[in-house]
Amino acid sequence: MSEPGPDDVVVRTERLDVVGHWAPEHLDAFAVLNADPEVMTFLGGPVGREDSDAFAAYGQRWVAEGLGLLPVVRRDDGVLVGMCGMHRHRWCPDDVEVGWRFARHAWGHGYATEAAAAWLGRGFAELGLTGVISIIDLGNVASVAVARRLGMGLDHVATHTTSPHRTSPHMTSAQALSREVEVAVYRTSARAWRNR
């Protein structure tokens, strides 16, 4: 994989680069990630390439605002390990959400916490955000643990309706329908982040 140049990196940590655009090699690896049933357990189930690319395009469109849901690559080998970033979720359009999604081979290394912490630092220090949320399926204990490590506290629980996937090689007729999902909304503020 090609190494990102300094102008391509939106967020950098000791081990990770968050790249400001989805290159073809990122999209290939992201499609594999999004087709993994374990990765997608709490994200509506696995999806096909068309939906994977559509999600990446959605994530890219926030870059003009200084946000984005963008590829995360390991700095030592350039391998895509996941996606992390910030956007305005349709369920909470008045808030900025930090979100993450990582390949199974990248689990257990602290990458989600590392990348999301760097995004929070950017959001509060560079973008002037006063607060950030994270919307997490109630059953997703791993992501709840990440939110807590980031110093985020439970704000409220809500029920929302999901949009059906358009394409998925693994989709059942039940998955093709909208469904209600219970989520926990975690939140932190710029003040809490500075005082953590």
N, C-alpha and C. Protein backbone atom coordinates (compact mmCIF):
# COMPACT_ATOMS: atom_id res chain seq x y z
N MET A 1 0.83 -1.19 0.00
CA MET A 1 0.00 0.00 0.00
C MET A 1 0.87 1.24 0.00
N SER A 2 0.39 2.28 -0.65
CA SER A 2 1.16 3.51 -0.71
C SER A 2 1.12 4.22 0.64
N GLU A 3 2.27 4.78 1.01
CA GLU A 3 2.35 5.48 2.29
C GLU A 3 1.74 6.87 2.14
N PRO A 4 0.87 7.28 3.07
CA PRO A 4 0.26 8.61 2.96
C PRO A 4 1.30 9.70 3.16
N GLY A 5 1.16 10.77 2.39
CA GLY A 5 2.03 11.92 2.57
C GLY A 5 1.55 12.75 3.74
N PRO A 6 2.37 13.69 4.22
CA PRO A 6 2.00 14.49 5.40
C PRO A 6 0.71 15.29 5.20
N ASP A 7 0.44 15.68 3.95
CA ASP A 7 -0.77 16.45 3.69
C ASP A 7 -2.03 15.58 3.68
N ASP A 8 -1.84 14.26 3.57
CA ASP A 8 -2.97 13.34 3.52
C ASP A 8 -3.46 12.94 4.91
N VAL A 9 -2.64 13.15 5.93
CA VAL A 9 -2.95 12.66 7.27
C VAL A 9 -3.75 13.72 8.02
N VAL A 10 -4.95 13.32 8.46
CA VAL A 10 -5.83 14.21 9.23
C VAL A 10 -5.50 14.13 10.71
N VAL A 11 -5.30 12.91 11.19
CA VAL A 11 -4.99 12.67 12.60
C VAL A 11 -3.86 11.65 12.65
N ARG A 12 -2.87 11.92 13.48
CA ARG A 12 -1.74 10.99 13.62
C ARG A 12 -1.54 10.67 15.09
N THR A 13 -1.29 9.38 15.35
CA THR A 13 -0.95 8.94 16.70
C THR A 13 0.40 8.23 16.61
N GLU A 14 0.85 7.70 17.71
CA GLU A 14 2.13 6.99 17.73
C GLU A 14 2.13 5.82 16.74
N ARG A 15 0.98 5.12 16.64
CA ARG A 15 0.93 3.91 15.80
C ARG A 15 0.06 4.04 14.55
N LEU A 16 -0.77 5.07 14.47
CA LEU A 16 -1.81 5.12 13.45
C LEU A 16 -1.83 6.44 12.70
N ASP A 17 -2.24 6.36 11.43
CA ASP A 17 -2.56 7.55 10.64
C ASP A 17 -4.02 7.44 10.22
N VAL A 18 -4.76 8.53 10.40
CA VAL A 18 -6.09 8.64 9.82
C VAL A 18 -5.93 9.49 8.56
N VAL A 19 -6.23 8.86 7.42
CA VAL A 19 -5.97 9.46 6.12
C VAL A 19 -7.21 10.22 5.65
N GLY A 20 -7.01 11.35 5.01
CA GLY A 20 -8.10 12.24 4.66
C GLY A 20 -8.90 11.88 3.43
N HIS A 21 -8.61 10.74 2.82
CA HIS A 21 -9.41 10.30 1.66
C HIS A 21 -9.37 8.78 1.56
N TRP A 22 -10.40 8.24 0.95
CA TRP A 22 -10.50 6.79 0.76
C TRP A 22 -9.86 6.41 -0.58
N ALA A 23 -8.66 5.87 -0.54
CA ALA A 23 -7.97 5.40 -1.74
C ALA A 23 -8.52 4.02 -2.14
N PRO A 24 -8.31 3.60 -3.39
CA PRO A 24 -8.83 2.29 -3.83
C PRO A 24 -8.41 1.14 -2.92
N GLU A 25 -7.15 1.14 -2.46
CA GLU A 25 -6.72 0.02 -1.60
C GLU A 25 -7.42 0.06 -0.24
N HIS A 26 -7.77 1.25 0.22
CA HIS A 26 -8.54 1.35 1.46
C HIS A 26 -9.94 0.77 1.26
N LEU A 27 -10.55 1.11 0.14
CA LEU A 27 -11.91 0.63 -0.13
C LEU A 27 -11.96 -0.89 -0.23
N ASP A 28 -10.92 -1.48 -0.81
CA ASP A 28 -10.88 -2.95 -0.92
C ASP A 28 -10.87 -3.59 0.47
N ALA A 29 -9.98 -3.08 1.33
CA ALA A 29 -9.87 -3.65 2.68
C ALA A 29 -11.11 -3.33 3.51
N PHE A 30 -11.70 -2.15 3.31
CA PHE A 30 -12.91 -1.77 4.04
C PHE A 30 -14.07 -2.67 3.65
N ALA A 31 -14.15 -3.06 2.39
CA ALA A 31 -15.22 -3.97 1.95
C ALA A 31 -15.10 -5.32 2.64
N VAL A 32 -13.88 -5.81 2.81
CA VAL A 32 -13.67 -7.08 3.52
C VAL A 32 -14.13 -6.93 4.98
N LEU A 33 -13.75 -5.84 5.60
CA LEU A 33 -14.14 -5.54 6.99
C LEU A 33 -15.67 -5.53 7.11
N ASN A 34 -16.34 -4.83 6.20
CA ASN A 34 -17.79 -4.67 6.27
C ASN A 34 -18.56 -5.93 5.89
N ALA A 35 -17.90 -6.90 5.29
CA ALA A 35 -18.54 -8.17 4.97
C ALA A 35 -18.37 -9.20 6.08
N ASP A 36 -17.64 -8.84 7.14
CA ASP A 36 -17.37 -9.76 8.24
C ASP A 36 -18.54 -9.73 9.22
N PRO A 37 -19.26 -10.85 9.37
CA PRO A 37 -20.43 -10.86 10.28
C PRO A 37 -20.10 -10.49 11.72
N GLU A 38 -18.90 -10.86 12.20
CA GLU A 38 -18.54 -10.52 13.58
C GLU A 38 -18.34 -9.03 13.75
N VAL A 39 -17.65 -8.40 12.80
CA VAL A 39 -17.44 -6.95 12.87
C VAL A 39 -18.77 -6.22 12.85
N MET A 40 -19.70 -6.72 12.04
CA MET A 40 -20.95 -6.02 11.78
C MET A 40 -22.11 -6.47 12.67
N THR A 41 -21.82 -7.25 13.71
CA THR A 41 -22.87 -7.77 14.59
C THR A 41 -23.80 -6.69 15.09
N PHE A 42 -23.25 -5.56 15.52
CA PHE A 42 -24.07 -4.49 16.11
C PHE A 42 -24.26 -3.32 15.14
N LEU A 43 -23.95 -3.55 13.87
CA LEU A 43 -24.03 -2.48 12.87
C LEU A 43 -24.97 -2.85 11.73
N GLY A 44 -25.94 -3.70 12.03
CA GLY A 44 -26.94 -4.05 11.03
C GLY A 44 -26.63 -5.26 10.18
N GLY A 45 -25.51 -5.93 10.45
CA GLY A 45 -25.14 -7.11 9.67
C GLY A 45 -24.21 -6.77 8.53
N PRO A 46 -23.57 -7.81 7.97
CA PRO A 46 -22.59 -7.59 6.90
C PRO A 46 -23.24 -6.99 5.66
N VAL A 47 -22.44 -6.22 4.92
CA VAL A 47 -22.92 -5.57 3.69
C VAL A 47 -21.99 -5.87 2.53
N GLY A 48 -22.49 -5.69 1.33
CA GLY A 48 -21.72 -5.90 0.12
C GLY A 48 -20.90 -4.68 -0.25
N ARG A 49 -20.16 -4.82 -1.36
CA ARG A 49 -19.22 -3.78 -1.78
C ARG A 49 -19.93 -2.44 -2.06
N GLU A 50 -21.09 -2.48 -2.68
CA GLU A 50 -21.78 -1.24 -3.02
C GLU A 50 -22.08 -0.42 -1.77
N ASP A 51 -22.60 -1.07 -0.73
CA ASP A 51 -22.91 -0.35 0.50
C ASP A 51 -21.65 0.07 1.23
N SER A 52 -20.60 -0.76 1.18
CA SER A 52 -19.34 -0.41 1.81
C SER A 52 -18.76 0.87 1.19
N ASP A 53 -18.75 0.91 -0.14
CA ASP A 53 -18.24 2.10 -0.83
C ASP A 53 -19.12 3.31 -0.57
N ALA A 54 -20.44 3.09 -0.47
CA ALA A 54 -21.36 4.20 -0.20
C ALA A 54 -21.10 4.77 1.19
N PHE A 55 -20.80 3.92 2.17
CA PHE A 55 -20.48 4.40 3.51
C PHE A 55 -19.20 5.23 3.49
N ALA A 56 -18.19 4.76 2.76
CA ALA A 56 -16.94 5.51 2.66
C ALA A 56 -17.18 6.87 2.02
N ALA A 57 -18.01 6.92 0.98
CA ALA A 57 -18.33 8.19 0.33
C ALA A 57 -19.06 9.12 1.30
N TYR A 58 -19.96 8.55 2.10
CA TYR A 58 -20.64 9.34 3.14
C TYR A 58 -19.61 9.91 4.11
N GLY A 59 -18.69 9.08 4.57
CA GLY A 59 -17.68 9.53 5.52
C GLY A 59 -16.79 10.62 4.95
N GLN A 60 -16.50 10.52 3.66
CA GLN A 60 -15.64 11.50 2.98
C GLN A 60 -16.31 12.87 2.88
N ARG A 61 -17.63 12.89 2.79
CA ARG A 61 -18.30 14.16 2.54
C ARG A 61 -18.23 15.14 3.71
N TRP A 62 -17.82 14.66 4.89
CA TRP A 62 -17.71 15.53 6.06
C TRP A 62 -16.36 16.23 6.16
N VAL A 63 -15.42 15.90 5.27
CA VAL A 63 -14.06 16.44 5.36
C VAL A 63 -14.05 17.95 5.24
N ALA A 64 -14.93 18.51 4.43
CA ALA A 64 -14.98 19.97 4.26
C ALA A 64 -15.26 20.69 5.57
N GLU A 65 -15.91 20.00 6.52
CA GLU A 65 -16.21 20.59 7.83
C GLU A 65 -15.11 20.29 8.85
N GLY A 66 -14.04 19.63 8.40
CA GLY A 66 -12.99 19.24 9.33
C GLY A 66 -13.26 17.93 10.01
N LEU A 67 -14.36 17.27 9.62
CA LEU A 67 -14.77 16.00 10.21
C LEU A 67 -14.47 14.89 9.20
N GLY A 68 -15.15 13.77 9.31
CA GLY A 68 -15.00 12.67 8.37
C GLY A 68 -14.96 11.34 9.08
N LEU A 69 -15.45 10.32 8.40
CA LEU A 69 -15.32 8.93 8.84
C LEU A 69 -14.33 8.32 7.86
N LEU A 70 -13.09 8.16 8.31
CA LEU A 70 -11.97 8.00 7.39
C LEU A 70 -11.12 6.77 7.69
N PRO A 71 -10.33 6.35 6.70
CA PRO A 71 -9.51 5.15 6.89
C PRO A 71 -8.41 5.35 7.93
N VAL A 72 -8.23 4.31 8.74
CA VAL A 72 -7.16 4.28 9.73
C VAL A 72 -6.15 3.23 9.30
N VAL A 73 -4.90 3.66 9.10
CA VAL A 73 -3.86 2.72 8.68
C VAL A 73 -2.78 2.67 9.75
N ARG A 74 -2.19 1.48 9.87
CA ARG A 74 -1.08 1.31 10.80
C ARG A 74 0.16 1.97 10.19
N ARG A 75 0.85 2.77 10.96
CA ARG A 75 1.97 3.54 10.42
C ARG A 75 3.15 2.66 10.02
N ASP A 76 3.36 1.54 10.71
CA ASP A 76 4.57 0.76 10.43
C ASP A 76 4.48 -0.06 9.15
N ASP A 77 3.24 -0.37 8.69
CA ASP A 77 3.14 -1.18 7.47
C ASP A 77 2.08 -0.69 6.48
N GLY A 78 1.34 0.38 6.82
CA GLY A 78 0.36 0.93 5.89
C GLY A 78 -0.90 0.11 5.73
N VAL A 79 -1.10 -0.92 6.57
CA VAL A 79 -2.29 -1.77 6.46
C VAL A 79 -3.49 -1.05 7.06
N LEU A 80 -4.62 -1.09 6.34
CA LEU A 80 -5.85 -0.53 6.88
C LEU A 80 -6.34 -1.41 8.02
N VAL A 81 -6.54 -0.80 9.19
CA VAL A 81 -7.03 -1.55 10.35
C VAL A 81 -8.47 -1.20 10.67
N GLY A 82 -8.99 -0.10 10.09
CA GLY A 82 -10.37 0.26 10.36
C GLY A 82 -10.72 1.65 9.89
N MET A 83 -11.77 2.16 10.48
CA MET A 83 -12.31 3.49 10.18
C MET A 83 -12.58 4.19 11.49
N CYS A 84 -12.31 5.50 11.54
CA CYS A 84 -12.62 6.28 12.72
C CYS A 84 -12.79 7.73 12.30
N GLY A 85 -13.62 8.44 13.05
CA GLY A 85 -13.77 9.85 12.73
C GLY A 85 -14.99 10.46 13.39
N MET A 86 -15.38 11.61 12.85
CA MET A 86 -16.50 12.36 13.40
C MET A 86 -17.44 12.79 12.29
N HIS A 87 -18.72 12.85 12.63
CA HIS A 87 -19.77 13.29 11.70
C HIS A 87 -20.99 13.68 12.51
N ARG A 88 -22.04 14.08 11.79
CA ARG A 88 -23.32 14.37 12.45
C ARG A 88 -24.30 13.27 12.08
N HIS A 89 -24.61 12.43 13.04
CA HIS A 89 -25.50 11.29 12.80
C HIS A 89 -26.93 11.79 12.62
N ARG A 90 -27.66 11.17 11.73
CA ARG A 90 -29.04 11.61 11.45
C ARG A 90 -29.93 11.49 12.69
N TRP A 91 -29.60 10.61 13.63
CA TRP A 91 -30.41 10.47 14.83
C TRP A 91 -30.17 11.64 15.80
N CYS A 92 -29.01 12.26 15.73
CA CYS A 92 -28.67 13.37 16.64
C CYS A 92 -27.98 14.47 15.83
N PRO A 93 -28.69 15.10 14.91
CA PRO A 93 -28.05 16.03 13.97
C PRO A 93 -27.47 17.28 14.58
N ASP A 94 -27.86 17.61 15.81
CA ASP A 94 -27.31 18.80 16.45
C ASP A 94 -25.99 18.54 17.17
N ASP A 95 -25.59 17.28 17.22
CA ASP A 95 -24.35 16.89 17.90
C ASP A 95 -23.35 16.36 16.88
N VAL A 96 -22.08 16.38 17.27
CA VAL A 96 -21.03 15.70 16.51
C VAL A 96 -20.76 14.37 17.19
N GLU A 97 -20.77 13.30 16.39
CA GLU A 97 -20.51 11.97 16.94
C GLU A 97 -19.11 11.51 16.56
N VAL A 98 -18.41 10.88 17.49
CA VAL A 98 -17.19 10.17 17.18
C VAL A 98 -17.56 8.70 17.04
N GLY A 99 -17.07 8.08 15.96
CA GLY A 99 -17.39 6.68 15.70
C GLY A 99 -16.17 5.92 15.22
N TRP A 100 -16.25 4.60 15.31
CA TRP A 100 -15.12 3.75 14.92
C TRP A 100 -15.65 2.40 14.46
N ARG A 101 -14.87 1.75 13.62
CA ARG A 101 -15.17 0.40 13.14
C ARG A 101 -13.84 -0.22 12.73
N PHE A 102 -13.45 -1.32 13.37
CA PHE A 102 -12.14 -1.90 13.11
C PHE A 102 -12.23 -3.36 12.69
N ALA A 103 -11.30 -3.76 11.84
CA ALA A 103 -11.23 -5.14 11.36
C ALA A 103 -10.95 -6.08 12.52
N ARG A 104 -11.43 -7.31 12.37
CA ARG A 104 -11.25 -8.26 13.47
C ARG A 104 -9.77 -8.51 13.78
N HIS A 105 -8.91 -8.50 12.75
CA HIS A 105 -7.47 -8.73 12.99
C HIS A 105 -6.85 -7.59 13.80
N ALA A 106 -7.56 -6.46 13.91
CA ALA A 106 -7.04 -5.31 14.66
C ALA A 106 -7.61 -5.19 16.06
N TRP A 107 -8.51 -6.09 16.44
CA TRP A 107 -9.11 -6.03 17.76
C TRP A 107 -8.07 -6.37 18.84
N GLY A 108 -8.26 -5.79 20.01
CA GLY A 108 -7.42 -6.13 21.15
C GLY A 108 -6.10 -5.39 21.22
N HIS A 109 -5.89 -4.41 20.35
CA HIS A 109 -4.63 -3.66 20.33
C HIS A 109 -4.80 -2.21 20.81
N GLY A 110 -6.02 -1.82 21.17
CA GLY A 110 -6.26 -0.45 21.62
C GLY A 110 -6.36 0.57 20.51
N TYR A 111 -6.49 0.12 19.27
CA TYR A 111 -6.51 1.05 18.14
C TYR A 111 -7.74 1.96 18.17
N ALA A 112 -8.90 1.42 18.51
CA ALA A 112 -10.11 2.24 18.51
C ALA A 112 -9.99 3.38 19.52
N THR A 113 -9.53 3.06 20.72
CA THR A 113 -9.36 4.09 21.74
C THR A 113 -8.32 5.12 21.30
N GLU A 114 -7.22 4.65 20.73
CA GLU A 114 -6.14 5.54 20.30
C GLU A 114 -6.60 6.50 19.21
N ALA A 115 -7.28 5.97 18.20
CA ALA A 115 -7.74 6.81 17.09
C ALA A 115 -8.84 7.76 17.53
N ALA A 116 -9.80 7.26 18.31
CA ALA A 116 -10.91 8.10 18.75
C ALA A 116 -10.42 9.20 19.70
N ALA A 117 -9.45 8.89 20.55
CA ALA A 117 -8.90 9.92 21.45
C ALA A 117 -8.23 11.03 20.64
N ALA A 118 -7.53 10.65 19.58
CA ALA A 118 -6.89 11.66 18.73
C ALA A 118 -7.94 12.54 18.05
N TRP A 119 -9.05 11.93 17.63
CA TRP A 119 -10.14 12.71 17.03
C TRP A 119 -10.77 13.66 18.05
N LEU A 120 -10.96 13.19 19.27
CA LEU A 120 -11.52 14.07 20.31
C LEU A 120 -10.58 15.24 20.56
N GLY A 121 -9.29 14.96 20.63
CA GLY A 121 -8.33 16.03 20.81
C GLY A 121 -8.41 17.06 19.69
N ARG A 122 -8.53 16.58 18.46
CA ARG A 122 -8.67 17.47 17.31
C ARG A 122 -9.97 18.26 17.40
N GLY A 123 -11.05 17.57 17.74
CA GLY A 123 -12.36 18.22 17.80
C GLY A 123 -12.40 19.35 18.81
N PHE A 124 -11.81 19.12 19.97
CA PHE A 124 -11.86 20.13 21.02
C PHE A 124 -10.80 21.21 20.83
N ALA A 125 -9.58 20.82 20.44
CA ALA A 125 -8.50 21.80 20.36
C ALA A 125 -8.50 22.58 19.04
N GLU A 126 -8.81 21.90 17.93
CA GLU A 126 -8.69 22.55 16.62
C GLU A 126 -10.03 23.01 16.06
N LEU A 127 -11.08 22.25 16.30
CA LEU A 127 -12.38 22.56 15.69
C LEU A 127 -13.29 23.36 16.62
N GLY A 128 -12.90 23.50 17.88
CA GLY A 128 -13.68 24.30 18.81
C GLY A 128 -14.99 23.68 19.24
N LEU A 129 -15.09 22.35 19.17
CA LEU A 129 -16.31 21.69 19.62
C LEU A 129 -16.44 21.81 21.13
N THR A 130 -17.68 21.92 21.59
CA THR A 130 -17.91 21.99 23.04
C THR A 130 -18.31 20.65 23.63
N GLY A 131 -18.77 19.74 22.79
CA GLY A 131 -19.17 18.41 23.25
C GLY A 131 -19.20 17.45 22.10
N VAL A 132 -19.04 16.16 22.40
CA VAL A 132 -19.05 15.10 21.39
C VAL A 132 -19.80 13.91 21.98
N ILE A 133 -20.57 13.24 21.14
CA ILE A 133 -21.30 12.04 21.57
C ILE A 133 -20.76 10.81 20.85
N SER A 134 -21.19 9.65 21.31
CA SER A 134 -20.99 8.39 20.60
C SER A 134 -22.25 7.56 20.80
N ILE A 135 -22.80 7.07 19.70
CA ILE A 135 -24.05 6.29 19.72
C ILE A 135 -23.68 4.82 19.59
N ILE A 136 -24.04 4.01 20.59
CA ILE A 136 -23.58 2.63 20.66
C ILE A 136 -24.75 1.70 20.94
N ASP A 137 -24.85 0.63 20.16
CA ASP A 137 -25.85 -0.41 20.42
C ASP A 137 -25.67 -0.91 21.85
N LEU A 138 -26.78 -1.09 22.56
CA LEU A 138 -26.71 -1.48 23.97
C LEU A 138 -25.94 -2.79 24.18
N GLY A 139 -25.95 -3.66 23.20
CA GLY A 139 -25.26 -4.94 23.36
C GLY A 139 -23.78 -4.90 23.04
N ASN A 140 -23.30 -3.80 22.53
CA ASN A 140 -21.91 -3.72 22.06
C ASN A 140 -20.99 -3.34 23.22
N VAL A 141 -20.67 -4.33 24.04
CA VAL A 141 -19.88 -4.06 25.25
C VAL A 141 -18.47 -3.58 24.92
N ALA A 142 -17.91 -4.02 23.79
CA ALA A 142 -16.55 -3.59 23.43
C ALA A 142 -16.53 -2.10 23.13
N SER A 143 -17.51 -1.60 22.40
CA SER A 143 -17.55 -0.17 22.09
C SER A 143 -17.91 0.66 23.32
N VAL A 144 -18.75 0.12 24.19
CA VAL A 144 -19.04 0.81 25.46
C VAL A 144 -17.75 0.97 26.25
N ALA A 145 -16.92 -0.08 26.26
CA ALA A 145 -15.64 0.00 26.98
C ALA A 145 -14.74 1.07 26.38
N VAL A 146 -14.73 1.19 25.04
CA VAL A 146 -13.93 2.24 24.40
C VAL A 146 -14.43 3.61 24.84
N ALA A 147 -15.75 3.82 24.79
CA ALA A 147 -16.32 5.11 25.20
C ALA A 147 -15.92 5.45 26.63
N ARG A 148 -15.97 4.48 27.51
CA ARG A 148 -15.60 4.74 28.90
C ARG A 148 -14.13 5.05 29.05
N ARG A 149 -13.27 4.36 28.27
CA ARG A 149 -11.84 4.67 28.31
C ARG A 149 -11.57 6.08 27.80
N LEU A 150 -12.43 6.57 26.93
CA LEU A 150 -12.30 7.93 26.42
C LEU A 150 -12.83 8.98 27.41
N GLY A 151 -13.37 8.51 28.53
CA GLY A 151 -13.91 9.43 29.52
C GLY A 151 -15.33 9.88 29.23
N MET A 152 -16.01 9.17 28.35
CA MET A 152 -17.38 9.52 28.00
C MET A 152 -18.33 8.88 29.01
N GLY A 153 -19.38 9.61 29.37
CA GLY A 153 -20.37 9.10 30.30
C GLY A 153 -21.71 8.88 29.61
N LEU A 154 -22.50 7.98 30.16
CA LEU A 154 -23.82 7.70 29.58
C LEU A 154 -24.71 8.93 29.71
N ASP A 155 -25.22 9.41 28.59
CA ASP A 155 -26.12 10.56 28.57
C ASP A 155 -27.58 10.11 28.60
N HIS A 156 -27.94 9.17 27.71
CA HIS A 156 -29.29 8.64 27.71
C HIS A 156 -29.37 7.40 26.82
N VAL A 157 -30.47 6.68 26.95
CA VAL A 157 -30.76 5.52 26.11
C VAL A 157 -31.95 5.88 25.23
N ALA A 158 -31.91 5.46 23.98
CA ALA A 158 -32.98 5.82 23.04
C ALA A 158 -33.25 4.65 22.11
N THR A 159 -34.43 4.66 21.52
CA THR A 159 -34.79 3.67 20.49
C THR A 159 -34.91 4.40 19.16
N HIS A 160 -34.22 3.88 18.15
CA HIS A 160 -34.24 4.50 16.82
C HIS A 160 -34.54 3.44 15.77
N THR A 161 -34.97 3.90 14.62
CA THR A 161 -35.24 3.00 13.50
C THR A 161 -34.05 3.02 12.55
N THR A 162 -33.55 1.85 12.22
CA THR A 162 -32.43 1.75 11.29
C THR A 162 -32.94 1.77 9.86
N SER A 163 -32.06 2.17 8.96
CA SER A 163 -32.36 2.08 7.53
C SER A 163 -31.93 0.70 7.04
N PRO A 164 -32.70 0.10 6.14
CA PRO A 164 -32.28 -1.20 5.61
C PRO A 164 -31.08 -1.05 4.69
N HIS A 165 -30.24 -2.09 4.63
CA HIS A 165 -29.13 -2.09 3.68
C HIS A 165 -29.68 -2.27 2.28
N ARG A 166 -29.01 -1.70 1.31
CA ARG A 166 -29.44 -1.86 -0.08
C ARG A 166 -28.91 -3.16 -0.68
N THR A 167 -27.65 -3.48 -0.36
CA THR A 167 -27.05 -4.68 -0.94
C THR A 167 -26.26 -5.41 0.13
N SER A 168 -26.38 -6.71 0.15
CA SER A 168 -25.56 -7.52 1.04
C SER A 168 -25.61 -8.96 0.55
N PRO A 169 -24.44 -9.58 0.41
CA PRO A 169 -24.45 -10.98 -0.02
C PRO A 169 -25.02 -11.91 1.04
N HIS A 170 -25.09 -11.45 2.28
CA HIS A 170 -25.56 -12.29 3.39
C HIS A 170 -26.95 -11.90 3.88
N MET A 171 -27.62 -10.98 3.19
CA MET A 171 -28.86 -10.40 3.70
C MET A 171 -30.02 -11.40 3.67
N THR A 172 -30.75 -11.45 4.78
CA THR A 172 -31.98 -12.21 4.82
C THR A 172 -33.13 -11.23 4.57
N SER A 173 -34.32 -11.75 4.34
CA SER A 173 -35.46 -10.86 4.11
C SER A 173 -35.74 -10.02 5.35
N ALA A 174 -35.47 -10.57 6.54
CA ALA A 174 -35.70 -9.81 7.77
C ALA A 174 -34.73 -8.63 7.87
N GLN A 175 -33.46 -8.86 7.45
CA GLN A 175 -32.48 -7.78 7.51
C GLN A 175 -32.78 -6.68 6.51
N ALA A 176 -33.49 -7.01 5.45
CA ALA A 176 -33.78 -6.02 4.42
C ALA A 176 -34.81 -5.00 4.88
N LEU A 177 -35.44 -5.25 6.02
CA LEU A 177 -36.46 -4.34 6.54
C LEU A 177 -35.85 -3.40 7.58
N SER A 178 -36.46 -2.25 7.73
CA SER A 178 -36.07 -1.35 8.82
C SER A 178 -36.38 -2.05 10.14
N ARG A 179 -35.58 -1.73 11.16
CA ARG A 179 -35.83 -2.33 12.47
C ARG A 179 -35.53 -1.31 13.55
N GLU A 180 -36.10 -1.54 14.71
CA GLU A 180 -35.83 -0.65 15.83
C GLU A 180 -34.64 -1.20 16.62
N VAL A 181 -33.81 -0.28 17.08
CA VAL A 181 -32.63 -0.67 17.84
C VAL A 181 -32.49 0.25 19.04
N GLU A 182 -32.14 -0.35 20.19
CA GLU A 182 -31.90 0.44 21.40
C GLU A 182 -30.43 0.81 21.45
N VAL A 183 -30.16 2.08 21.65
CA VAL A 183 -28.78 2.55 21.69
C VAL A 183 -28.54 3.37 22.96
N ALA A 184 -27.28 3.36 23.37
CA ALA A 184 -26.83 4.23 24.46
C ALA A 184 -26.07 5.39 23.83
N VAL A 185 -26.38 6.59 24.25
CA VAL A 185 -25.67 7.76 23.77
C VAL A 185 -24.71 8.21 24.87
N TYR A 186 -23.42 8.10 24.57
CA TYR A 186 -22.38 8.55 25.49
C TYR A 186 -21.94 9.95 25.10
N ARG A 187 -21.46 10.71 26.07
CA ARG A 187 -21.12 12.11 25.81
C ARG A 187 -19.92 12.53 26.64
N THR A 188 -19.14 13.43 26.08
CA THR A 188 -18.11 14.13 26.84
C THR A 188 -18.07 15.57 26.37
N SER A 189 -17.52 16.44 27.21
CA SER A 189 -17.42 17.86 26.88
C SER A 189 -15.97 18.27 26.75
N ALA A 190 -15.76 19.42 26.15
CA ALA A 190 -14.40 19.95 26.04
C ALA A 190 -13.79 20.13 27.43
N ARG A 191 -14.58 20.62 28.38
CA ARG A 191 -14.07 20.83 29.73
C ARG A 191 -13.68 19.51 30.37
N ALA A 192 -14.52 18.48 30.25
CA ALA A 192 -14.20 17.18 30.83
C ALA A 192 -12.96 16.59 30.17
N TRP A 193 -12.84 16.80 28.86
CA TRP A 193 -11.68 16.27 28.13
C TRP A 193 -10.40 16.93 28.64
N ARG A 194 -10.43 18.23 28.82
CA ARG A 194 -9.24 18.94 29.30
C ARG A 194 -8.88 18.53 30.73
N ASN A 195 -9.89 18.21 31.53
CA ASN A 195 -9.66 17.89 32.94
C ASN A 195 -9.49 16.40 33.22
N ARG A 196 -9.52 15.56 32.18
CA ARG A 196 -9.49 14.11 32.40
C ARG A 196 -8.19 13.66 33.07
